[in-house]
Amino acid sequence: MKKKPIIYSDLSKKQLENIKEIYIQKKIESMSHQELKQYVLEIISHQIKDTIGKEEEMEAWKEMSDFFGEQFEIIILEIQTKFIDDKNVINTEIDSQKQRIELLERNNFDQEKKDMWDD
């Protein structure tokens, strides 16, 4: 009879955390310096470039700001100068009240469309 393989749900939370910690340590120890650099590059690129939504964008912005420190504004000004013709400015502050009003108006319009035969 074949032995049933162990799966993550067979472990307690503490056991699962421990096997993950062992894996992380062993994985890092087994990687070369170049592999570590490449891996970190992929992780940071994904973390910063693949942001979704305002909250993640703000987290990435804070991380970049903390990293560059006082140089952050200088770097931004250089980039703005370099791409001065780019008029595609991100509108981060959406007028939420206007959005809510439009949604309410759409909902009211849908209510008015009720079939006259429906009672």
N, C-alpha and C. Protein backbone atom coordinates (compact mmCIF):
# COMPACT_ATOMS: atom_id res chain seq x y z
N MET A 1 0.83 -1.18 0.00
CA MET A 1 0.00 0.00 0.00
C MET A 1 0.88 1.25 0.00
N LYS A 2 0.53 2.20 -0.86
CA LYS A 2 1.32 3.41 -1.01
C LYS A 2 1.06 4.36 0.15
N LYS A 3 2.14 4.94 0.65
CA LYS A 3 2.05 5.87 1.77
C LYS A 3 1.48 7.21 1.30
N LYS A 4 0.53 7.75 2.07
CA LYS A 4 -0.09 9.02 1.74
C LYS A 4 0.92 10.14 1.93
N PRO A 5 1.10 11.03 0.92
CA PRO A 5 2.05 12.13 1.06
C PRO A 5 1.55 13.15 2.08
N ILE A 6 2.49 13.75 2.77
CA ILE A 6 2.15 14.80 3.73
C ILE A 6 1.89 16.09 2.97
N ILE A 7 0.83 16.79 3.34
CA ILE A 7 0.52 18.09 2.72
C ILE A 7 0.47 19.15 3.82
N TYR A 8 0.46 20.42 3.41
CA TYR A 8 0.56 21.52 4.36
C TYR A 8 -0.54 21.50 5.42
N SER A 9 -1.73 21.02 5.06
CA SER A 9 -2.83 21.02 6.03
C SER A 9 -2.66 19.96 7.11
N ASP A 10 -1.67 19.08 6.94
CA ASP A 10 -1.37 18.08 7.97
C ASP A 10 -0.56 18.68 9.12
N LEU A 11 -0.05 19.89 8.92
CA LEU A 11 0.81 20.52 9.91
C LEU A 11 0.06 21.59 10.70
N SER A 12 0.53 21.83 11.90
CA SER A 12 -0.01 22.94 12.69
C SER A 12 0.55 24.23 12.11
N LYS A 13 0.00 25.35 12.53
CA LYS A 13 0.47 26.64 12.04
C LYS A 13 1.94 26.84 12.39
N LYS A 14 2.32 26.48 13.60
CA LYS A 14 3.71 26.64 14.05
C LYS A 14 4.65 25.73 13.24
N GLN A 15 4.22 24.50 12.97
CA GLN A 15 5.03 23.56 12.18
C GLN A 15 5.21 24.08 10.76
N LEU A 16 4.14 24.60 10.19
CA LEU A 16 4.20 25.13 8.83
C LEU A 16 5.12 26.35 8.76
N GLU A 17 5.03 27.24 9.74
CA GLU A 17 5.92 28.40 9.79
C GLU A 17 7.37 27.96 9.89
N ASN A 18 7.62 26.91 10.68
CA ASN A 18 8.98 26.42 10.87
C ASN A 18 9.55 25.81 9.59
N ILE A 19 8.78 25.02 8.88
CA ILE A 19 9.29 24.42 7.63
C ILE A 19 9.52 25.52 6.59
N LYS A 20 8.69 26.56 6.58
CA LYS A 20 8.90 27.68 5.67
C LYS A 20 10.20 28.41 6.00
N GLU A 21 10.46 28.62 7.28
CA GLU A 21 11.69 29.30 7.71
C GLU A 21 12.92 28.49 7.31
N ILE A 22 12.87 27.17 7.50
CA ILE A 22 13.99 26.30 7.11
C ILE A 22 14.20 26.38 5.60
N TYR A 23 13.10 26.34 4.84
CA TYR A 23 13.20 26.43 3.38
C TYR A 23 13.86 27.73 2.96
N ILE A 24 13.42 28.86 3.54
CA ILE A 24 13.97 30.16 3.18
C ILE A 24 15.47 30.19 3.43
N GLN A 25 15.88 29.74 4.61
CA GLN A 25 17.31 29.74 4.96
C GLN A 25 18.11 28.87 4.00
N LYS A 26 17.64 27.65 3.76
CA LYS A 26 18.36 26.72 2.87
C LYS A 26 18.38 27.21 1.43
N LYS A 27 17.27 27.80 0.98
CA LYS A 27 17.19 28.32 -0.38
C LYS A 27 18.22 29.44 -0.58
N ILE A 28 18.28 30.36 0.37
CA ILE A 28 19.23 31.48 0.28
C ILE A 28 20.66 30.97 0.32
N GLU A 29 20.95 30.04 1.22
CA GLU A 29 22.30 29.49 1.33
C GLU A 29 22.73 28.76 0.06
N SER A 30 21.78 28.19 -0.66
CA SER A 30 22.12 27.42 -1.86
C SER A 30 22.33 28.30 -3.09
N MET A 31 21.94 29.58 -3.02
CA MET A 31 22.04 30.46 -4.18
C MET A 31 23.40 31.16 -4.23
N SER A 32 23.89 31.33 -5.45
CA SER A 32 25.13 32.08 -5.64
C SER A 32 24.84 33.57 -5.49
N HIS A 33 25.92 34.35 -5.42
CA HIS A 33 25.77 35.81 -5.31
C HIS A 33 24.98 36.36 -6.50
N GLN A 34 25.30 35.89 -7.69
CA GLN A 34 24.61 36.36 -8.91
C GLN A 34 23.14 35.95 -8.89
N GLU A 35 22.86 34.73 -8.45
CA GLU A 35 21.46 34.28 -8.36
C GLU A 35 20.68 35.13 -7.36
N LEU A 36 21.31 35.46 -6.24
CA LEU A 36 20.66 36.31 -5.24
C LEU A 36 20.35 37.69 -5.81
N LYS A 37 21.32 38.28 -6.51
CA LYS A 37 21.11 39.59 -7.11
C LYS A 37 19.96 39.56 -8.12
N GLN A 38 19.94 38.53 -8.95
CA GLN A 38 18.89 38.40 -9.97
C GLN A 38 17.52 38.23 -9.31
N TYR A 39 17.47 37.41 -8.28
CA TYR A 39 16.22 37.17 -7.57
C TYR A 39 15.70 38.45 -6.92
N VAL A 40 16.59 39.18 -6.26
CA VAL A 40 16.20 40.43 -5.61
C VAL A 40 15.74 41.44 -6.67
N LEU A 41 16.42 41.50 -7.80
CA LEU A 41 16.03 42.39 -8.88
C LEU A 41 14.60 42.09 -9.34
N GLU A 42 14.29 40.82 -9.53
CA GLU A 42 12.94 40.42 -9.95
C GLU A 42 11.89 40.80 -8.91
N ILE A 43 12.19 40.56 -7.64
CA ILE A 43 11.24 40.85 -6.57
C ILE A 43 11.00 42.36 -6.47
N ILE A 44 12.05 43.15 -6.43
CA ILE A 44 11.90 44.60 -6.31
C ILE A 44 11.22 45.18 -7.55
N SER A 45 11.58 44.69 -8.73
CA SER A 45 10.93 45.17 -9.95
C SER A 45 9.44 44.91 -9.91
N HIS A 46 9.07 43.71 -9.52
CA HIS A 46 7.65 43.36 -9.42
C HIS A 46 6.95 44.23 -8.37
N GLN A 47 7.60 44.40 -7.24
CA GLN A 47 7.02 45.17 -6.13
C GLN A 47 6.80 46.64 -6.51
N ILE A 48 7.71 47.22 -7.24
CA ILE A 48 7.64 48.65 -7.58
C ILE A 48 6.88 48.90 -8.88
N LYS A 49 7.14 48.11 -9.91
CA LYS A 49 6.55 48.38 -11.22
C LYS A 49 5.13 47.84 -11.38
N ASP A 50 4.80 46.76 -10.71
CA ASP A 50 3.50 46.12 -10.92
C ASP A 50 2.50 46.50 -9.84
N THR A 51 2.49 47.78 -9.47
CA THR A 51 1.55 48.24 -8.45
C THR A 51 0.16 48.33 -9.04
N ILE A 52 -0.81 48.02 -8.21
CA ILE A 52 -2.21 48.06 -8.63
C ILE A 52 -2.96 48.91 -7.62
N GLY A 53 -3.52 49.99 -8.08
CA GLY A 53 -4.33 50.82 -7.20
C GLY A 53 -3.51 51.86 -6.45
N LYS A 54 -4.24 52.77 -5.87
CA LYS A 54 -3.65 53.92 -5.20
C LYS A 54 -2.83 53.51 -3.99
N GLU A 55 -3.33 52.56 -3.20
CA GLU A 55 -2.64 52.15 -1.98
C GLU A 55 -1.27 51.54 -2.27
N GLU A 56 -1.21 50.63 -3.24
CA GLU A 56 0.08 50.02 -3.60
C GLU A 56 1.02 51.05 -4.21
N GLU A 57 0.47 51.97 -5.01
CA GLU A 57 1.29 53.02 -5.62
C GLU A 57 1.89 53.91 -4.54
N MET A 58 1.10 54.21 -3.51
CA MET A 58 1.60 55.04 -2.41
C MET A 58 2.68 54.30 -1.62
N GLU A 59 2.54 52.99 -1.44
CA GLU A 59 3.57 52.20 -0.74
C GLU A 59 4.87 52.22 -1.53
N ALA A 60 4.77 52.02 -2.85
CA ALA A 60 5.97 52.04 -3.70
C ALA A 60 6.61 53.43 -3.66
N TRP A 61 5.79 54.48 -3.69
CA TRP A 61 6.29 55.86 -3.64
C TRP A 61 7.05 56.10 -2.34
N LYS A 62 6.50 55.65 -1.22
CA LYS A 62 7.14 55.82 0.08
C LYS A 62 8.46 55.06 0.13
N GLU A 63 8.48 53.85 -0.41
CA GLU A 63 9.71 53.07 -0.42
C GLU A 63 10.80 53.77 -1.23
N MET A 64 10.43 54.31 -2.39
CA MET A 64 11.40 55.03 -3.21
C MET A 64 11.87 56.29 -2.50
N SER A 65 10.93 57.01 -1.90
CA SER A 65 11.26 58.24 -1.18
C SER A 65 12.22 57.97 -0.02
N ASP A 66 11.95 56.92 0.73
CA ASP A 66 12.83 56.55 1.85
C ASP A 66 14.22 56.17 1.35
N PHE A 67 14.27 55.46 0.23
CA PHE A 67 15.56 55.02 -0.31
C PHE A 67 16.40 56.20 -0.79
N PHE A 68 15.79 57.10 -1.58
CA PHE A 68 16.54 58.22 -2.14
C PHE A 68 16.76 59.36 -1.14
N GLY A 69 15.91 59.45 -0.14
CA GLY A 69 16.06 60.48 0.88
C GLY A 69 15.94 61.88 0.29
N GLU A 70 16.89 62.73 0.64
CA GLU A 70 16.86 64.12 0.20
C GLU A 70 17.03 64.26 -1.31
N GLN A 71 17.59 63.28 -1.96
CA GLN A 71 17.81 63.32 -3.41
C GLN A 71 16.53 63.05 -4.21
N PHE A 72 15.48 62.56 -3.54
CA PHE A 72 14.26 62.14 -4.24
C PHE A 72 13.67 63.27 -5.09
N GLU A 73 13.50 64.46 -4.49
CA GLU A 73 12.92 65.58 -5.23
C GLU A 73 13.79 65.99 -6.41
N ILE A 74 15.10 65.97 -6.22
CA ILE A 74 16.02 66.33 -7.31
C ILE A 74 15.87 65.35 -8.47
N ILE A 75 15.79 64.07 -8.15
CA ILE A 75 15.62 63.04 -9.19
C ILE A 75 14.30 63.24 -9.92
N ILE A 76 13.24 63.53 -9.18
CA ILE A 76 11.93 63.75 -9.79
C ILE A 76 11.97 64.95 -10.72
N LEU A 77 12.58 66.05 -10.27
CA LEU A 77 12.68 67.24 -11.11
C LEU A 77 13.45 66.96 -12.40
N GLU A 78 14.52 66.18 -12.30
CA GLU A 78 15.30 65.81 -13.49
C GLU A 78 14.44 65.00 -14.46
N ILE A 79 13.66 64.08 -13.93
CA ILE A 79 12.79 63.25 -14.78
C ILE A 79 11.70 64.10 -15.41
N GLN A 80 11.11 65.01 -14.63
CA GLN A 80 10.07 65.88 -15.18
C GLN A 80 10.64 66.75 -16.30
N THR A 81 11.85 67.23 -16.14
CA THR A 81 12.50 68.04 -17.17
C THR A 81 12.77 67.20 -18.41
N LYS A 82 13.25 66.00 -18.19
CA LYS A 82 13.58 65.10 -19.30
C LYS A 82 12.34 64.75 -20.12
N PHE A 83 11.22 64.55 -19.46
CA PHE A 83 9.99 64.16 -20.14
C PHE A 83 8.94 65.27 -20.07
N ILE A 84 9.37 66.50 -20.30
CA ILE A 84 8.49 67.67 -20.17
C ILE A 84 7.33 67.64 -21.15
N ASP A 85 7.48 67.01 -22.30
CA ASP A 85 6.42 66.96 -23.31
C ASP A 85 5.36 65.92 -22.98
N ASP A 86 5.60 65.08 -21.99
CA ASP A 86 4.66 64.03 -21.63
C ASP A 86 3.52 64.64 -20.83
N LYS A 87 2.38 64.81 -21.46
CA LYS A 87 1.23 65.45 -20.81
C LYS A 87 0.30 64.43 -20.14
N ASN A 88 0.68 63.18 -20.13
CA ASN A 88 -0.15 62.13 -19.53
C ASN A 88 0.08 62.09 -18.02
N VAL A 89 -0.49 63.05 -17.31
CA VAL A 89 -0.32 63.16 -15.87
C VAL A 89 -1.37 62.28 -15.19
N ILE A 90 -0.93 61.54 -14.19
CA ILE A 90 -1.84 60.65 -13.48
C ILE A 90 -2.69 61.47 -12.52
N ASN A 91 -4.00 61.32 -12.62
CA ASN A 91 -4.91 62.00 -11.71
C ASN A 91 -5.16 61.07 -10.53
N THR A 92 -4.39 61.27 -9.46
CA THR A 92 -4.49 60.37 -8.31
C THR A 92 -5.63 60.72 -7.38
N GLU A 93 -6.07 61.97 -7.43
CA GLU A 93 -7.15 62.38 -6.53
C GLU A 93 -8.47 62.38 -7.30
N ILE A 94 -9.18 61.28 -7.25
CA ILE A 94 -10.47 61.16 -7.93
C ILE A 94 -11.53 61.79 -7.03
N ASP A 95 -12.40 62.58 -7.63
CA ASP A 95 -13.46 63.23 -6.88
C ASP A 95 -14.48 62.16 -6.51
N SER A 96 -14.36 61.63 -5.29
CA SER A 96 -15.22 60.52 -4.88
C SER A 96 -16.67 60.96 -4.73
N GLN A 97 -16.90 62.21 -4.35
CA GLN A 97 -18.27 62.68 -4.22
C GLN A 97 -18.94 62.69 -5.60
N LYS A 98 -18.23 63.15 -6.59
CA LYS A 98 -18.76 63.17 -7.96
C LYS A 98 -19.06 61.75 -8.43
N GLN A 99 -18.16 60.83 -8.10
CA GLN A 99 -18.36 59.43 -8.47
C GLN A 99 -19.61 58.87 -7.82
N ARG A 100 -19.81 59.16 -6.54
CA ARG A 100 -20.99 58.66 -5.82
C ARG A 100 -22.27 59.24 -6.41
N ILE A 101 -22.25 60.53 -6.75
CA ILE A 101 -23.44 61.16 -7.33
C ILE A 101 -23.79 60.51 -8.66
N GLU A 102 -22.79 60.28 -9.49
CA GLU A 102 -23.03 59.64 -10.79
C GLU A 102 -23.61 58.24 -10.61
N LEU A 103 -23.10 57.51 -9.63
CA LEU A 103 -23.60 56.17 -9.35
C LEU A 103 -25.05 56.21 -8.87
N LEU A 104 -25.36 57.16 -8.00
CA LEU A 104 -26.74 57.31 -7.52
C LEU A 104 -27.68 57.67 -8.67
N GLU A 105 -27.23 58.57 -9.54
CA GLU A 105 -28.05 58.95 -10.69
C GLU A 105 -28.31 57.76 -11.61
N ARG A 106 -27.28 56.94 -11.83
CA ARG A 106 -27.45 55.75 -12.66
C ARG A 106 -28.44 54.78 -12.02
N ASN A 107 -28.33 54.62 -10.71
CA ASN A 107 -29.24 53.71 -10.01
C ASN A 107 -30.67 54.22 -10.06
N ASN A 108 -30.84 55.52 -9.89
CA ASN A 108 -32.19 56.11 -9.98
C ASN A 108 -32.76 55.96 -11.38
N PHE A 109 -31.94 56.16 -12.40
CA PHE A 109 -32.37 56.00 -13.78
C PHE A 109 -32.82 54.57 -14.02
N ASP A 110 -32.05 53.60 -13.50
CA ASP A 110 -32.42 52.20 -13.64
C ASP A 110 -33.74 51.90 -12.94
N GLN A 111 -33.99 52.54 -11.80
CA GLN A 111 -35.25 52.35 -11.07
C GLN A 111 -36.43 52.88 -11.89
N GLU A 112 -36.21 54.02 -12.57
CA GLU A 112 -37.27 54.63 -13.37
C GLU A 112 -37.61 53.80 -14.60
N LYS A 113 -36.71 52.97 -15.05
CA LYS A 113 -36.92 52.15 -16.23
C LYS A 113 -37.83 50.95 -15.95
N LYS A 114 -38.30 50.82 -14.74
CA LYS A 114 -39.14 49.68 -14.38
C LYS A 114 -40.30 49.54 -15.36
N ASP A 115 -40.61 48.33 -15.69
CA ASP A 115 -41.70 48.05 -16.62
C ASP A 115 -43.03 48.44 -15.97
N MET A 116 -43.88 49.08 -16.74
CA MET A 116 -45.17 49.54 -16.18
C MET A 116 -46.06 48.39 -15.80
N TRP A 117 -45.82 47.19 -16.32
CA TRP A 117 -46.66 46.05 -16.01
C TRP A 117 -46.23 45.35 -14.72
N ASP A 118 -45.03 45.71 -14.22
CA ASP A 118 -44.57 45.13 -12.96
C ASP A 118 -45.22 45.85 -11.81
N ASP A 119 -45.83 45.10 -10.92
CA ASP A 119 -46.47 45.71 -9.75
C ASP A 119 -45.81 45.30 -8.49
